């Protein structure tokens, strides 16, 4: 649902784009509340933060999750990928 809304938002313009993007963000936040340990949802949310011009917040969010789940490599991979995208190479090397 969220990905479909984001694709529709990308294709739309102006007010419609903002409305669809807001709906997608709301659905994603509800998903994170329901499934707080889902790496795929966090990855999508991190991409939304980066698209909003908040890449450092996205990197910090995934680093926090990686620290909460030190035994799950997927979190560390997502944190590193997002940190590099945010131009925070030192975080990715952590």
N, C-alpha and C. Protein backbone atom coordinates (compact mmCIF):
# COMPACT_ATOMS: atom_id res chain seq x y z
N UNK A 1 0.83 -1.19 0.00
CA UNK A 1 0.00 0.00 0.00
C UNK A 1 0.87 1.26 0.00
N UNK A 2 1.84 1.29 0.89
CA UNK A 2 2.70 2.47 1.00
C UNK A 2 3.46 2.71 -0.30
N UNK A 3 4.04 1.66 -0.86
CA UNK A 3 4.81 1.81 -2.09
C UNK A 3 3.91 2.29 -3.22
N UNK A 4 2.69 1.77 -3.29
CA UNK A 4 1.75 2.22 -4.31
C UNK A 4 1.41 3.68 -4.17
N UNK A 5 1.20 4.12 -2.94
CA UNK A 5 0.91 5.54 -2.70
C UNK A 5 2.10 6.42 -3.08
N UNK A 6 3.31 5.95 -2.77
CA UNK A 6 4.50 6.72 -3.12
C UNK A 6 4.69 6.81 -4.63
N UNK A 7 4.41 5.72 -5.33
CA UNK A 7 4.51 5.76 -6.79
C UNK A 7 3.48 6.72 -7.37
N UNK A 8 2.27 6.69 -6.82
CA UNK A 8 1.23 7.61 -7.29
C UNK A 8 1.64 9.05 -7.00
N UNK A 9 2.25 9.28 -5.83
CA UNK A 9 2.70 10.63 -5.47
C UNK A 9 3.77 11.11 -6.44
N UNK A 10 4.68 10.21 -6.80
CA UNK A 10 5.73 10.58 -7.76
C UNK A 10 5.15 10.99 -9.10
N UNK A 11 4.07 10.33 -9.50
CA UNK A 11 3.45 10.62 -10.80
C UNK A 11 2.57 11.87 -10.75
N UNK A 12 2.11 12.22 -9.56
CA UNK A 12 1.20 13.37 -9.41
C UNK A 12 2.01 14.65 -9.27
N UNK A 13 1.30 15.72 -9.13
CA UNK A 13 1.96 17.00 -8.94
C UNK A 13 1.22 17.83 -7.91
N UNK A 14 1.88 18.84 -7.41
CA UNK A 14 1.28 19.83 -6.52
C UNK A 14 0.60 19.27 -5.29
N UNK A 15 -0.64 19.73 -5.08
CA UNK A 15 -1.39 19.35 -3.89
C UNK A 15 -1.67 17.86 -3.84
N UNK A 16 -1.96 17.27 -4.98
CA UNK A 16 -2.23 15.82 -5.01
C UNK A 16 -1.00 15.04 -4.56
N UNK A 17 0.15 15.47 -5.02
CA UNK A 17 1.40 14.80 -4.63
C UNK A 17 1.61 14.88 -3.12
N UNK A 18 1.42 16.07 -2.57
CA UNK A 18 1.59 16.24 -1.12
C UNK A 18 0.60 15.38 -0.34
N UNK A 19 -0.64 15.31 -0.80
CA UNK A 19 -1.67 14.53 -0.12
C UNK A 19 -1.34 13.04 -0.16
N UNK A 20 -0.93 12.54 -1.32
CA UNK A 20 -0.59 11.13 -1.44
C UNK A 20 0.65 10.79 -0.63
N UNK A 21 1.63 11.68 -0.65
CA UNK A 21 2.84 11.46 0.14
C UNK A 21 2.49 11.41 1.64
N UNK A 22 1.63 12.32 2.08
CA UNK A 22 1.21 12.33 3.48
C UNK A 22 0.48 11.06 3.86
N UNK A 23 -0.36 10.55 2.96
CA UNK A 23 -1.06 9.29 3.22
C UNK A 23 -0.07 8.14 3.34
N UNK A 24 0.90 8.09 2.45
CA UNK A 24 1.90 7.03 2.47
C UNK A 24 2.70 7.08 3.76
N UNK A 25 3.07 8.28 4.17
CA UNK A 25 3.84 8.43 5.40
C UNK A 25 3.01 7.96 6.60
N UNK A 26 1.74 8.32 6.63
CA UNK A 26 0.86 7.90 7.72
C UNK A 26 0.71 6.39 7.80
N UNK A 27 0.53 5.76 6.65
CA UNK A 27 0.42 4.29 6.62
C UNK A 27 1.71 3.66 7.11
N UNK A 28 2.83 4.20 6.71
CA UNK A 28 4.12 3.67 7.12
C UNK A 28 4.33 3.81 8.61
N UNK A 29 3.98 4.95 9.17
CA UNK A 29 4.13 5.16 10.62
C UNK A 29 3.26 4.17 11.39
N UNK A 30 2.05 3.93 10.92
CA UNK A 30 1.18 2.94 11.57
C UNK A 30 1.80 1.55 11.48
N UNK A 31 2.38 1.24 10.35
CA UNK A 31 3.05 -0.05 10.19
C UNK A 31 4.21 -0.21 11.16
N UNK A 32 4.98 0.85 11.34
CA UNK A 32 6.10 0.80 12.29
C UNK A 32 5.60 0.63 13.72
N UNK A 33 4.49 1.25 14.03
CA UNK A 33 3.92 1.09 15.37
C UNK A 33 3.47 -0.36 15.60
N UNK A 34 2.90 -0.96 14.56
CA UNK A 34 2.41 -2.34 14.67
C UNK A 34 3.55 -3.36 14.62
N UNK A 35 4.60 -3.04 13.87
CA UNK A 35 5.72 -3.97 13.68
C UNK A 35 7.04 -3.23 13.89
N UNK A 36 7.35 -2.91 15.15
CA UNK A 36 8.51 -2.06 15.43
C UNK A 36 9.87 -2.71 15.15
N UNK A 37 9.91 -3.98 14.82
CA UNK A 37 11.18 -4.65 14.55
C UNK A 37 11.29 -5.11 13.10
N UNK A 38 10.54 -4.50 12.20
CA UNK A 38 10.53 -4.89 10.79
C UNK A 38 11.56 -4.07 10.01
N UNK A 39 12.66 -4.70 9.59
CA UNK A 39 13.69 -3.93 8.89
C UNK A 39 13.23 -3.34 7.56
N UNK A 40 12.33 -4.01 6.86
CA UNK A 40 11.86 -3.49 5.58
C UNK A 40 11.08 -2.19 5.76
N UNK A 41 10.26 -2.13 6.81
CA UNK A 41 9.51 -0.90 7.08
C UNK A 41 10.46 0.23 7.46
N UNK A 42 11.46 -0.09 8.28
CA UNK A 42 12.42 0.93 8.68
C UNK A 42 13.24 1.41 7.49
N UNK A 43 13.58 0.50 6.58
CA UNK A 43 14.32 0.92 5.39
C UNK A 43 13.50 1.90 4.56
N UNK A 44 12.23 1.59 4.38
CA UNK A 44 11.36 2.49 3.62
C UNK A 44 11.20 3.83 4.33
N UNK A 45 11.04 3.79 5.66
CA UNK A 45 10.90 5.03 6.41
C UNK A 45 12.18 5.86 6.32
N UNK A 46 13.33 5.20 6.36
CA UNK A 46 14.61 5.91 6.23
C UNK A 46 14.71 6.58 4.86
N UNK A 47 14.21 5.90 3.83
CA UNK A 47 14.22 6.51 2.49
C UNK A 47 13.30 7.72 2.43
N UNK A 48 12.17 7.64 3.13
CA UNK A 48 11.28 8.80 3.17
C UNK A 48 11.95 9.97 3.87
N UNK A 49 12.62 9.69 4.99
CA UNK A 49 13.33 10.76 5.69
C UNK A 49 14.39 11.39 4.78
N UNK A 50 15.12 10.56 4.08
CA UNK A 50 16.15 11.08 3.17
C UNK A 50 15.51 11.93 2.06
N UNK A 51 14.37 11.47 1.55
CA UNK A 51 13.67 12.23 0.50
C UNK A 51 13.15 13.56 1.03
N UNK A 52 12.91 13.62 2.33
CA UNK A 52 12.46 14.87 2.95
C UNK A 52 13.63 15.78 3.28
N UNK A 53 14.84 15.36 2.90
CA UNK A 53 16.02 16.17 3.19
C UNK A 53 16.57 15.94 4.58
N UNK A 54 16.26 14.78 5.16
CA UNK A 54 16.71 14.47 6.52
C UNK A 54 17.52 13.17 6.56
N UNK A 55 18.58 13.09 5.72
CA UNK A 55 19.34 11.84 5.65
C UNK A 55 20.08 11.50 6.93
N UNK A 56 20.49 12.50 7.69
CA UNK A 56 21.19 12.21 8.94
C UNK A 56 20.26 11.57 9.96
N UNK A 57 19.01 12.00 9.98
CA UNK A 57 18.02 11.37 10.86
C UNK A 57 17.77 9.93 10.44
N UNK A 58 17.73 9.71 9.14
CA UNK A 58 17.53 8.35 8.63
C UNK A 58 18.67 7.45 9.07
N UNK A 59 19.90 7.93 8.94
CA UNK A 59 21.06 7.14 9.35
C UNK A 59 21.03 6.87 10.84
N UNK A 60 20.73 7.89 11.63
CA UNK A 60 20.68 7.72 13.08
C UNK A 60 19.60 6.72 13.49
N UNK A 61 18.47 6.75 12.82
CA UNK A 61 17.38 5.83 13.12
C UNK A 61 17.82 4.38 12.89
N UNK A 62 18.48 4.12 11.78
CA UNK A 62 18.89 2.75 11.49
C UNK A 62 20.07 2.31 12.34
N UNK A 63 20.96 3.22 12.70
CA UNK A 63 22.05 2.87 13.62
C UNK A 63 21.47 2.48 14.98
N UNK A 64 20.47 3.24 15.42
CA UNK A 64 19.81 2.91 16.69
C UNK A 64 19.20 1.51 16.64
N UNK A 65 18.54 1.19 15.54
CA UNK A 65 17.95 -0.14 15.40
C UNK A 65 19.03 -1.23 15.36
N UNK A 66 20.13 -0.95 14.68
CA UNK A 66 21.23 -1.92 14.63
C UNK A 66 21.78 -2.18 16.03
N UNK A 67 21.88 -1.16 16.83
CA UNK A 67 22.36 -1.33 18.21
C UNK A 67 21.36 -2.10 19.07
N UNK A 68 20.08 -1.93 18.76
CA UNK A 68 19.04 -2.67 19.49
C UNK A 68 19.03 -4.15 19.10
N UNK A 69 19.52 -4.44 17.89
CA UNK A 69 19.51 -5.80 17.37
C UNK A 69 20.93 -6.18 16.90
N UNK A 70 21.89 -6.23 17.82
CA UNK A 70 23.28 -6.46 17.40
C UNK A 70 23.52 -7.82 16.76
N UNK A 71 22.62 -8.76 16.97
CA UNK A 71 22.79 -10.11 16.42
C UNK A 71 22.14 -10.29 15.05
N UNK A 72 21.59 -9.21 14.50
CA UNK A 72 20.91 -9.30 13.20
C UNK A 72 21.63 -8.43 12.18
N UNK A 73 22.41 -9.06 11.30
CA UNK A 73 23.22 -8.30 10.33
C UNK A 73 22.42 -7.40 9.40
N UNK A 74 21.16 -7.72 9.15
CA UNK A 74 20.37 -6.89 8.24
C UNK A 74 20.30 -5.44 8.74
N UNK A 75 20.20 -5.26 10.04
CA UNK A 75 20.13 -3.90 10.59
C UNK A 75 21.43 -3.15 10.35
N UNK A 76 22.57 -3.85 10.52
CA UNK A 76 23.85 -3.20 10.31
C UNK A 76 24.05 -2.85 8.84
N UNK A 77 23.61 -3.74 7.95
CA UNK A 77 23.72 -3.45 6.52
C UNK A 77 22.88 -2.23 6.14
N UNK A 78 21.65 -2.17 6.65
CA UNK A 78 20.79 -1.02 6.36
C UNK A 78 21.37 0.27 6.94
N UNK A 79 21.90 0.18 8.15
CA UNK A 79 22.49 1.36 8.78
C UNK A 79 23.69 1.85 7.97
N UNK A 80 24.53 0.93 7.53
CA UNK A 80 25.71 1.33 6.75
C UNK A 80 25.31 1.94 5.41
N UNK A 81 24.36 1.32 4.73
CA UNK A 81 23.89 1.84 3.44
C UNK A 81 23.32 3.25 3.58
N UNK A 82 22.54 3.45 4.61
CA UNK A 82 21.92 4.76 4.83
C UNK A 82 22.95 5.80 5.26
N UNK A 83 23.92 5.38 6.06
CA UNK A 83 24.97 6.31 6.49
C UNK A 83 25.81 6.78 5.30
N UNK A 84 26.14 5.87 4.40
CA UNK A 84 26.90 6.25 3.20
C UNK A 84 26.09 7.22 2.36
N UNK A 85 24.79 6.94 2.20
CA UNK A 85 23.93 7.84 1.42
C UNK A 85 23.84 9.21 2.07
N UNK A 86 23.97 9.26 3.40
CA UNK A 86 23.92 10.53 4.12
C UNK A 86 25.29 11.20 4.20
N UNK A 87 26.27 10.62 3.49
CA UNK A 87 27.64 11.14 3.50
C UNK A 87 28.27 11.08 4.89
N UNK A 88 27.93 10.01 5.61
CA UNK A 88 28.49 9.78 6.94
C UNK A 88 29.27 8.47 6.95
N UNK A 89 30.34 8.45 6.17
CA UNK A 89 31.13 7.24 6.00
C UNK A 89 31.62 6.67 7.32
N UNK A 90 31.98 7.55 8.26
CA UNK A 90 32.51 7.07 9.54
C UNK A 90 31.47 6.26 10.31
N UNK A 91 30.20 6.59 10.14
CA UNK A 91 29.12 5.83 10.78
C UNK A 91 29.00 4.47 10.11
N UNK A 92 29.14 4.44 8.80
CA UNK A 92 29.02 3.20 8.07
C UNK A 92 30.14 2.23 8.45
N UNK A 93 31.31 2.76 8.79
CA UNK A 93 32.45 1.90 9.16
C UNK A 93 32.34 1.38 10.58
N UNK A 94 31.47 1.96 11.36
CA UNK A 94 31.29 1.54 12.76
C UNK A 94 30.89 0.12 12.78
